[in-house]
Amino acid sequence: DGRVWIVDPIDATANFARGIPVWATLIALQVDGEPVL
């Protein structure tokens, strides 16, 4: 239980490294086991 921020700083790092624009930062807030944001 509790609040957890879950972060993937660069999703699709392989794309990022090769200059492919399909990459993103992913940010989630999980509360008591459920992602709410």
PDB file of all heavy atoms in Angstrom:
ATOM      1  N   ASP A   1       0.826  -1.202   0.000  1.00  0.00           N
ATOM      2  CA  ASP A   1       0.000   0.000   0.000  1.00  0.00           C
ATOM      3  C   ASP A   1       0.867   1.262   0.000  1.00  0.00           C
ATOM      4  O   ASP A   1       2.090   1.198   0.105  1.00  0.00           O
ATOM      5  CB  ASP A   1      -0.922  -0.005   1.222  1.00  0.00           C
ATOM      6  CG  ASP A   1      -1.949  -1.113   1.170  1.00  0.00           C
ATOM      7  OD1 ASP A   1      -2.222  -1.601   0.052  1.00  0.00           O
ATOM      8  OD2 ASP A   1      -2.475  -1.491   2.229  1.00  0.00           O
ATOM      9  N   GLY A   2       0.190   2.393  -0.092  1.00  0.00           N
ATOM     10  CA  GLY A   2       0.884   3.673  -0.068  1.00  0.00           C
ATOM     11  C   GLY A   2       1.017   4.278  -1.448  1.00  0.00           C
ATOM     12  O   GLY A   2       0.509   3.748  -2.439  1.00  0.00           O
ATOM     13  N   ARG A   3       1.694   5.413  -1.493  1.00  0.00           N
ATOM     14  CA  ARG A   3       1.867   6.180  -2.722  1.00  0.00           C
ATOM     15  C   ARG A   3       3.270   5.968  -3.280  1.00  0.00           C
ATOM     16  O   ARG A   3       4.266   6.119  -2.571  1.00  0.00           O
ATOM     17  CB  ARG A   3       1.636   7.670  -2.452  1.00  0.00           C
ATOM     18  CG  ARG A   3       0.185   8.019  -2.157  1.00  0.00           C
ATOM     19  CD  ARG A   3       0.049   9.423  -1.593  1.00  0.00           C
ATOM     20  NE  ARG A   3       0.788  10.430  -2.304  1.00  0.00           N
ATOM     21  CZ  ARG A   3       0.240  11.400  -3.058  1.00  0.00           C
ATOM     22  NH1 ARG A   3      -1.084  11.465  -3.204  1.00  0.00           N
ATOM     23  NH2 ARG A   3       0.987  12.311  -3.650  1.00  0.00           N
ATOM     24  N   VAL A   4       3.318   5.635  -4.572  1.00  0.00           N
ATOM     25  CA  VAL A   4       4.589   5.403  -5.248  1.00  0.00           C
ATOM     26  C   VAL A   4       4.573   6.106  -6.602  1.00  0.00           C
ATOM     27  O   VAL A   4       3.666   5.879  -7.414  1.00  0.00           O
ATOM     28  CB  VAL A   4       4.855   3.899  -5.478  1.00  0.00           C
ATOM     29  CG1 VAL A   4       6.271   3.700  -6.032  1.00  0.00           C
ATOM     30  CG2 VAL A   4       4.662   3.096  -4.208  1.00  0.00           C
ATOM     31  N   TRP A   5       5.562   6.940  -6.850  1.00  0.00           N
ATOM     32  CA  TRP A   5       5.763   7.511  -8.173  1.00  0.00           C
ATOM     33  C   TRP A   5       6.624   6.549  -8.975  1.00  0.00           C
ATOM     34  O   TRP A   5       7.658   6.084  -8.500  1.00  0.00           O
ATOM     35  CB  TRP A   5       6.453   8.869  -8.075  1.00  0.00           C
ATOM     36  CG  TRP A   5       5.591   9.928  -7.456  1.00  0.00           C
ATOM     37  CD1 TRP A   5       5.486  10.215  -6.123  1.00  0.00           C
ATOM     38  CD2 TRP A   5       4.696  10.802  -8.143  1.00  0.00           C
ATOM     39  NE1 TRP A   5       4.582  11.237  -5.940  1.00  0.00           N
ATOM     40  CE2 TRP A   5       4.076  11.618  -7.160  1.00  0.00           C
ATOM     41  CE3 TRP A   5       4.365  10.997  -9.482  1.00  0.00           C
ATOM     42  CZ2 TRP A   5       3.151  12.595  -7.491  1.00  0.00           C
ATOM     43  CZ3 TRP A   5       3.442  11.974  -9.817  1.00  0.00           C
ATOM     44  CH2 TRP A   5       2.838  12.762  -8.822  1.00  0.00           C
ATOM     45  N   ILE A   6       6.176   6.234 -10.185  1.00  0.00           N
ATOM     46  CA  ILE A   6       6.880   5.273 -11.035  1.00  0.00           C
ATOM     47  C   ILE A   6       7.336   6.014 -12.288  1.00  0.00           C
ATOM     48  O   ILE A   6       6.518   6.579 -13.020  1.00  0.00           O
ATOM     49  CB  ILE A   6       5.974   4.091 -11.394  1.00  0.00           C
ATOM     50  CG1 ILE A   6       5.493   3.397 -10.104  1.00  0.00           C
ATOM     51  CG2 ILE A   6       6.712   3.098 -12.296  1.00  0.00           C
ATOM     52  CD1 ILE A   6       4.446   2.326 -10.337  1.00  0.00           C
ATOM     53  N   VAL A   7       8.643   6.009 -12.529  1.00  0.00           N
ATOM     54  CA  VAL A   7       9.230   6.852 -13.574  1.00  0.00           C
ATOM     55  C   VAL A   7      10.083   6.016 -14.524  1.00  0.00           C
ATOM     56  O   VAL A   7      10.975   5.272 -14.102  1.00  0.00           O
ATOM     57  CB  VAL A   7      10.102   7.964 -12.954  1.00  0.00           C
ATOM     58  CG1 VAL A   7      10.738   8.814 -14.054  1.00  0.00           C
ATOM     59  CG2 VAL A   7       9.287   8.828 -12.000  1.00  0.00           C
ATOM     60  N   ASP A   8       9.785   6.151 -15.810  1.00  0.00           N
ATOM     61  CA  ASP A   8      10.686   5.666 -16.855  1.00  0.00           C
ATOM     62  C   ASP A   8      11.231   6.915 -17.534  1.00  0.00           C
ATOM     63  O   ASP A   8      10.516   7.576 -18.285  1.00  0.00           O
ATOM     64  CB  ASP A   8       9.935   4.790 -17.855  1.00  0.00           C
ATOM     65  CG  ASP A   8      10.876   4.118 -18.853  1.00  0.00           C
ATOM     66  OD1 ASP A   8      12.036   4.546 -18.951  1.00  0.00           O
ATOM     67  OD2 ASP A   8      10.439   3.172 -19.540  1.00  0.00           O
ATOM     68  N   PRO A   9      12.472   7.282 -17.255  1.00  0.00           N
ATOM     69  CA  PRO A   9      12.976   8.580 -17.730  1.00  0.00           C
ATOM     70  C   PRO A   9      12.987   8.715 -19.250  1.00  0.00           C
ATOM     71  O   PRO A   9      12.634   9.765 -19.785  1.00  0.00           O
ATOM     72  CB  PRO A   9      14.376   8.661 -17.129  1.00  0.00           C
ATOM     73  CG  PRO A   9      14.740   7.251 -16.804  1.00  0.00           C
ATOM     74  CD  PRO A   9      13.463   6.561 -16.446  1.00  0.00           C
ATOM     75  N   ILE A  10      13.414   7.663 -19.927  1.00  0.00           N
ATOM     76  CA  ILE A  10      13.342   7.614 -21.391  1.00  0.00           C
ATOM     77  C   ILE A  10      12.819   6.241 -21.773  1.00  0.00           C
ATOM     78  O   ILE A  10      13.549   5.244 -21.712  1.00  0.00           O
ATOM     79  CB  ILE A  10      14.713   7.849 -22.067  1.00  0.00           C
ATOM     80  CG1 ILE A  10      15.278   9.234 -21.726  1.00  0.00           C
ATOM     81  CG2 ILE A  10      14.578   7.680 -23.593  1.00  0.00           C
ATOM     82  CD1 ILE A  10      14.617  10.387 -22.449  1.00  0.00           C
ATOM     83  N   ASP A  11      11.564   6.168 -22.150  1.00  0.00           N
ATOM     84  CA  ASP A  11      11.038   4.923 -22.709  1.00  0.00           C
ATOM     85  C   ASP A  11      11.400   4.914 -24.187  1.00  0.00           C
ATOM     86  O   ASP A  11      11.227   5.915 -24.875  1.00  0.00           O
ATOM     87  CB  ASP A  11       9.516   4.861 -22.540  1.00  0.00           C
ATOM     88  CG  ASP A  11       8.952   3.517 -22.944  1.00  0.00           C
ATOM     89  OD1 ASP A  11       9.407   2.497 -22.388  1.00  0.00           O
ATOM     90  OD2 ASP A  11       8.062   3.478 -23.814  1.00  0.00           O
ATOM     91  N   ALA A  12      11.914   3.772 -24.665  1.00  0.00           N
ATOM     92  CA  ALA A  12      12.451   3.646 -26.028  1.00  0.00           C
ATOM     93  C   ALA A  12      13.821   4.305 -26.126  1.00  0.00           C
ATOM     94  O   ALA A  12      14.098   5.108 -27.026  1.00  0.00           O
ATOM     95  CB  ALA A  12      11.506   4.205 -27.078  1.00  0.00           C
ATOM     96  N   THR A  13      14.702   3.948 -25.196  1.00  0.00           N
ATOM     97  CA  THR A  13      16.060   4.485 -25.207  1.00  0.00           C
ATOM     98  C   THR A  13      16.789   4.149 -26.506  1.00  0.00           C
ATOM     99  O   THR A  13      17.571   4.951 -27.017  1.00  0.00           O
ATOM    100  CB  THR A  13      16.864   3.959 -24.004  1.00  0.00           C
ATOM    101  OG1 THR A  13      16.245   4.402 -22.795  1.00  0.00           O
ATOM    102  CG2 THR A  13      18.300   4.453 -24.028  1.00  0.00           C
ATOM    103  N   ALA A  14      16.536   2.962 -27.060  1.00  0.00           N
ATOM    104  CA  ALA A  14      17.190   2.582 -28.313  1.00  0.00           C
ATOM    105  C   ALA A  14      16.799   3.536 -29.438  1.00  0.00           C
ATOM    106  O   ALA A  14      17.640   3.903 -30.275  1.00  0.00           O
ATOM    107  CB  ALA A  14      16.832   1.146 -28.689  1.00  0.00           C
ATOM    108  N   ASN A  15      15.545   3.964 -29.466  1.00  0.00           N
ATOM    109  CA  ASN A  15      15.126   4.963 -30.449  1.00  0.00           C
ATOM    110  C   ASN A  15      15.847   6.287 -30.206  1.00  0.00           C
ATOM    111  O   ASN A  15      16.346   6.929 -31.140  1.00  0.00           O
ATOM    112  CB  ASN A  15      13.618   5.202 -30.365  1.00  0.00           C
ATOM    113  CG  ASN A  15      12.800   4.088 -30.989  1.00  0.00           C
ATOM    114  OD1 ASN A  15      13.331   3.179 -31.609  1.00  0.00           O
ATOM    115  ND2 ASN A  15      11.494   4.149 -30.797  1.00  0.00           N
ATOM    116  N   PHE A  16      15.843   6.709 -28.946  1.00  0.00           N
ATOM    117  CA  PHE A  16      16.503   7.967 -28.571  1.00  0.00           C
ATOM    118  C   PHE A  16      17.957   7.967 -29.044  1.00  0.00           C
ATOM    119  O   PHE A  16      18.428   8.944 -29.630  1.00  0.00           O
ATOM    120  CB  PHE A  16      16.433   8.132 -27.054  1.00  0.00           C
ATOM    121  CG  PHE A  16      17.022   9.406 -26.526  1.00  0.00           C
ATOM    122  CD1 PHE A  16      16.218  10.519 -26.323  1.00  0.00           C
ATOM    123  CD2 PHE A  16      18.373   9.496 -26.211  1.00  0.00           C
ATOM    124  CE1 PHE A  16      16.762  11.712 -25.835  1.00  0.00           C
ATOM    125  CE2 PHE A  16      18.922  10.667 -25.719  1.00  0.00           C
ATOM    126  CZ  PHE A  16      18.107  11.779 -25.530  1.00  0.00           C
ATOM    127  N   ALA A  17      18.653   6.867 -28.801  1.00  0.00           N
ATOM    128  CA  ALA A  17      20.067   6.790 -29.132  1.00  0.00           C
ATOM    129  C   ALA A  17      20.312   6.836 -30.642  1.00  0.00           C
ATOM    130  O   ALA A  17      21.368   7.294 -31.090  1.00  0.00           O
ATOM    131  CB  ALA A  17      20.670   5.515 -28.554  1.00  0.00           C
ATOM    132  N   ARG A  18      19.337   6.364 -31.439  1.00  0.00           N
ATOM    133  CA  ARG A  18      19.495   6.341 -32.889  1.00  0.00           C
ATOM    134  C   ARG A  18      18.869   7.546 -33.580  1.00  0.00           C
ATOM    135  O   ARG A  18      18.801   7.600 -34.805  1.00  0.00           O
ATOM    136  CB  ARG A  18      18.870   5.056 -33.453  1.00  0.00           C
ATOM    137  CG  ARG A  18      19.573   3.762 -33.054  1.00  0.00           C
ATOM    138  CD  ARG A  18      20.983   3.667 -33.622  1.00  0.00           C
ATOM    139  NE  ARG A  18      20.986   3.697 -35.072  1.00  0.00           N
ATOM    140  CZ  ARG A  18      20.892   2.610 -35.851  1.00  0.00           C
ATOM    141  NH1 ARG A  18      20.765   1.406 -35.299  1.00  0.00           N
ATOM    142  NH2 ARG A  18      20.934   2.722 -37.166  1.00  0.00           N
ATOM    143  N   GLY A  19      18.394   8.516 -32.809  1.00  0.00           N
ATOM    144  CA  GLY A  19      17.819   9.709 -33.408  1.00  0.00           C
ATOM    145  C   GLY A  19      16.402   9.528 -33.915  1.00  0.00           C
ATOM    146  O   GLY A  19      15.912  10.332 -34.712  1.00  0.00           O
ATOM    147  N   ILE A  20      15.700   8.500 -33.446  1.00  0.00           N
ATOM    148  CA  ILE A  20      14.306   8.259 -33.822  1.00  0.00           C
ATOM    149  C   ILE A  20      13.423   8.978 -32.806  1.00  0.00           C
ATOM    150  O   ILE A  20      13.566   8.773 -31.600  1.00  0.00           O
ATOM    151  CB  ILE A  20      13.997   6.751 -33.836  1.00  0.00           C
ATOM    152  CG1 ILE A  20      14.888   6.047 -34.862  1.00  0.00           C
ATOM    153  CG2 ILE A  20      12.521   6.501 -34.153  1.00  0.00           C
ATOM    154  CD1 ILE A  20      14.827   4.528 -34.788  1.00  0.00           C
ATOM    155  N   PRO A  21      12.490   9.830 -33.240  1.00  0.00           N
ATOM    156  CA  PRO A  21      11.750  10.677 -32.302  1.00  0.00           C
ATOM    157  C   PRO A  21      10.692   9.978 -31.462  1.00  0.00           C
ATOM    158  O   PRO A  21      10.041  10.635 -30.646  1.00  0.00           O
ATOM    159  CB  PRO A  21      11.115  11.736 -33.215  1.00  0.00           C
ATOM    160  CG  PRO A  21      10.966  11.060 -34.527  1.00  0.00           C
ATOM    161  CD  PRO A  21      12.166  10.162 -34.650  1.00  0.00           C
ATOM    162  N   VAL A  22      10.521   8.676 -31.631  1.00  0.00           N
ATOM    163  CA  VAL A  22       9.513   7.951 -30.849  1.00  0.00           C
ATOM    164  C   VAL A  22      10.125   7.521 -29.514  1.00  0.00           C
ATOM    165  O   VAL A  22      10.618   6.402 -29.355  1.00  0.00           O
ATOM    166  CB  VAL A  22       8.957   6.740 -31.624  1.00  0.00           C
ATOM    167  CG1 VAL A  22       7.855   6.054 -30.816  1.00  0.00           C
ATOM    168  CG2 VAL A  22       8.419   7.172 -32.977  1.00  0.00           C
ATOM    169  N   TRP A  23      10.146   8.437 -28.554  1.00  0.00           N
ATOM    170  CA  TRP A  23      10.594   8.169 -27.193  1.00  0.00           C
ATOM    171  C   TRP A  23       9.830   9.100 -26.266  1.00  0.00           C
ATOM    172  O   TRP A  23       9.286  10.113 -26.696  1.00  0.00           O
ATOM    173  CB  TRP A  23      12.113   8.376 -27.035  1.00  0.00           C
ATOM    174  CG  TRP A  23      12.614   9.724 -27.439  1.00  0.00           C
ATOM    175  CD1 TRP A  23      13.038  10.121 -28.672  1.00  0.00           C
ATOM    176  CD2 TRP A  23      12.735  10.897 -26.603  1.00  0.00           C
ATOM    177  NE1 TRP A  23      13.417  11.452 -28.670  1.00  0.00           N
ATOM    178  CE2 TRP A  23      13.235  11.958 -27.408  1.00  0.00           C
ATOM    179  CE3 TRP A  23      12.462  11.152 -25.255  1.00  0.00           C
ATOM    180  CZ2 TRP A  23      13.477  13.246 -26.913  1.00  0.00           C
ATOM    181  CZ3 TRP A  23      12.703  12.443 -24.757  1.00  0.00           C
ATOM    182  CH2 TRP A  23      13.199  13.459 -25.570  1.00  0.00           C
ATOM    183  N   ALA A  24       9.766   8.736 -25.002  1.00  0.00           N
ATOM    184  CA  ALA A  24       8.953   9.530 -24.068  1.00  0.00           C
ATOM    185  C   ALA A  24       9.419   9.330 -22.644  1.00  0.00           C
ATOM    186  O   ALA A  24      10.044   8.326 -22.302  1.00  0.00           O
ATOM    187  CB  ALA A  24       7.477   9.147 -24.187  1.00  0.00           C
ATOM    188  N   THR A  25       9.081  10.306 -21.815  1.00  0.00           N
ATOM    189  CA  THR A  25       9.203  10.153 -20.364  1.00  0.00           C
ATOM    190  C   THR A  25       7.848   9.711 -19.824  1.00  0.00           C
ATOM    191  O   THR A  25       6.824  10.325 -20.141  1.00  0.00           O
ATOM    192  CB  THR A  25       9.619  11.481 -19.708  1.00  0.00           C
ATOM    193  OG1 THR A  25      10.933  11.834 -20.166  1.00  0.00           O
ATOM    194  CG2 THR A  25       9.637  11.355 -18.191  1.00  0.00           C
ATOM    195  N   LEU A  26       7.844   8.648 -19.045  1.00  0.00           N
ATOM    196  CA  LEU A  26       6.612   8.088 -18.485  1.00  0.00           C
ATOM    197  C   LEU A  26       6.580   8.346 -16.983  1.00  0.00           C
ATOM    198  O   LEU A  26       7.527   7.997 -16.271  1.00  0.00           O
ATOM    199  CB  LEU A  26       6.523   6.582 -18.738  1.00  0.00           C
ATOM    200  CG  LEU A  26       6.826   6.071 -20.152  1.00  0.00           C
ATOM    201  CD1 LEU A  26       6.582   4.569 -20.227  1.00  0.00           C
ATOM    202  CD2 LEU A  26       6.008   6.812 -21.190  1.00  0.00           C
ATOM    203  N   ILE A  27       5.493   8.945 -16.510  1.00  0.00           N
ATOM    204  CA  ILE A  27       5.341   9.267 -15.094  1.00  0.00           C
ATOM    205  C   ILE A  27       3.997   8.730 -14.616  1.00  0.00           C
ATOM    206  O   ILE A  27       2.957   9.023 -15.225  1.00  0.00           O
ATOM    207  CB  ILE A  27       5.391  10.788 -14.860  1.00  0.00           C
ATOM    208  CG1 ILE A  27       6.703  11.370 -15.398  1.00  0.00           C
ATOM    209  CG2 ILE A  27       5.227  11.117 -13.372  1.00  0.00           C
ATOM    210  CD1 ILE A  27       6.700  12.894 -15.486  1.00  0.00           C
ATOM    211  N   ALA A  28       4.015   7.962 -13.560  1.00  0.00           N
ATOM    212  CA  ALA A  28       2.777   7.415 -12.997  1.00  0.00           C
ATOM    213  C   ALA A  28       2.770   7.603 -11.492  1.00  0.00           C
ATOM    214  O   ALA A  28       3.829   7.636 -10.854  1.00  0.00           O
ATOM    215  CB  ALA A  28       2.635   5.929 -13.328  1.00  0.00           C
ATOM    216  N   LEU A  29       1.568   7.713 -10.931  1.00  0.00           N
ATOM    217  CA  LEU A  29       1.386   7.673  -9.485  1.00  0.00           C
ATOM    218  C   LEU A  29       0.532   6.466  -9.169  1.00  0.00           C
ATOM    219  O   LEU A  29      -0.584   6.329  -9.681  1.00  0.00           O
ATOM    220  CB  LEU A  29       0.714   8.936  -8.974  1.00  0.00           C
ATOM    221  CG  LEU A  29       0.369   8.930  -7.471  1.00  0.00           C
ATOM    222  CD1 LEU A  29       1.630   8.821  -6.619  1.00  0.00           C
ATOM    223  CD2 LEU A  29      -0.442  10.177  -7.090  1.00  0.00           C
ATOM    224  N   GLN A  30       1.065   5.596  -8.345  1.00  0.00           N
ATOM    225  CA  GLN A  30       0.352   4.404  -7.893  1.00  0.00           C
ATOM    226  C   GLN A  30      -0.060   4.603  -6.441  1.00  0.00           C
ATOM    227  O   GLN A  30       0.767   4.989  -5.606  1.00  0.00           O
ATOM    228  CB  GLN A  30       1.248   3.173  -8.033  1.00  0.00           C
ATOM    229  CG  GLN A  30       0.653   1.889  -7.496  1.00  0.00           C
ATOM    230  CD  GLN A  30       1.618   0.728  -7.648  1.00  0.00           C
ATOM    231  OE1 GLN A  30       1.851   0.244  -8.750  1.00  0.00           O
ATOM    232  NE2 GLN A  30       2.199   0.277  -6.542  1.00  0.00           N
ATOM    233  N   VAL A  31      -1.328   4.353  -6.137  1.00  0.00           N
ATOM    234  CA  VAL A  31      -1.832   4.473  -4.774  1.00  0.00           C
ATOM    235  C   VAL A  31      -2.439   3.144  -4.357  1.00  0.00           C
ATOM    236  O   VAL A  31      -3.369   2.644  -5.003  1.00  0.00           O
ATOM    237  CB  VAL A  31      -2.879   5.607  -4.666  1.00  0.00           C
ATOM    238  CG1 VAL A  31      -3.422   5.676  -3.240  1.00  0.00           C
ATOM    239  CG2 VAL A  31      -2.267   6.944  -5.061  1.00  0.00           C
ATOM    240  N   ASP A  32      -1.897   2.558  -3.305  1.00  0.00           N
ATOM    241  CA  ASP A  32      -2.363   1.267  -2.795  1.00  0.00           C
ATOM    242  C   ASP A  32      -2.429   0.224  -3.897  1.00  0.00           C
ATOM    243  O   ASP A  32      -3.399  -0.546  -4.024  1.00  0.00           O
ATOM    244  CB  ASP A  32      -3.733   1.422  -2.126  1.00  0.00           C
ATOM    245  CG  ASP A  32      -3.688   2.344  -0.919  1.00  0.00           C
ATOM    246  OD1 ASP A  32      -2.596   2.484  -0.315  1.00  0.00           O
ATOM    247  OD2 ASP A  32      -4.723   2.941  -0.580  1.00  0.00           O
ATOM    248  N   GLY A  33      -1.395   0.194  -4.720  1.00  0.00           N
ATOM    249  CA  GLY A  33      -1.267  -0.827  -5.748  1.00  0.00           C
ATOM    250  C   GLY A  33      -1.939  -0.525  -7.066  1.00  0.00           C
ATOM    251  O   GLY A  33      -1.793  -1.296  -8.021  1.00  0.00           O
ATOM    252  N   GLU A  34      -2.681   0.592  -7.159  1.00  0.00           N
ATOM    253  CA  GLU A  34      -3.399   0.923  -8.389  1.00  0.00           C
ATOM    254  C   GLU A  34      -2.846   2.209  -9.014  1.00  0.00           C
ATOM    255  O   GLU A  34      -2.710   3.221  -8.325  1.00  0.00           O
ATOM    256  CB  GLU A  34      -4.895   1.112  -8.117  1.00  0.00           C
ATOM    257  CG  GLU A  34      -5.656  -0.187  -7.925  1.00  0.00           C
ATOM    258  CD  GLU A  34      -5.682  -1.022  -9.192  1.00  0.00           C
ATOM    259  OE1 GLU A  34      -5.882  -0.461 -10.289  1.00  0.00           O
ATOM    260  OE2 GLU A  34      -5.498  -2.247  -9.086  1.00  0.00           O
ATOM    261  N   PRO A  35      -2.547   2.211 -10.319  1.00  0.00           N
ATOM    262  CA  PRO A  35      -2.113   3.441 -10.979  1.00  0.00           C
ATOM    263  C   PRO A  35      -3.289   4.399 -11.129  1.00  0.00           C
ATOM    264  O   PRO A  35      -4.301   4.054 -11.746  1.00  0.00           O
ATOM    265  CB  PRO A  35      -1.603   2.961 -12.333  1.00  0.00           C
ATOM    266  CG  PRO A  35      -2.316   1.665 -12.589  1.00  0.00           C
ATOM    267  CD  PRO A  35      -2.564   1.050 -11.246  1.00  0.00           C
ATOM    268  N   VAL A  36      -3.174   5.584 -10.564  1.00  0.00           N
ATOM    269  CA  VAL A  36      -4.283   6.546 -10.582  1.00  0.00           C
ATOM    270  C   VAL A  36      -3.972   7.762 -11.449  1.00  0.00           C
ATOM    271  O   VAL A  36      -4.855   8.572 -11.716  1.00  0.00           O
ATOM    272  CB  VAL A  36      -4.645   7.005  -9.157  1.00  0.00           C
ATOM    273  CG1 VAL A  36      -5.091   5.818  -8.307  1.00  0.00           C
ATOM    274  CG2 VAL A  36      -3.473   7.729  -8.498  1.00  0.00           C
ATOM    275  N   LEU A  37      -2.736   7.897 -11.867  1.00  0.00           N
ATOM    276  CA  LEU A  37      -2.324   9.019 -12.695  1.00  0.00           C
ATOM    277  C   LEU A  37      -1.292   8.522 -13.697  1.00  0.00           C
ATOM    278  O   LEU A  37      -0.389   7.763 -13.334  1.00  0.00           O
ATOM    279  CB  LEU A  37      -1.738  10.130 -11.832  1.00  0.00           C
ATOM    280  CG  LEU A  37      -1.200  11.407 -12.494  1.00  0.00           C
ATOM    281  CD1 LEU A  37      -1.241  12.561 -11.492  1.00  0.00           C
ATOM    282  CD2 LEU A  37       0.243  11.249 -13.016  1.00  0.00           C
TER     283      LEU A  37
END
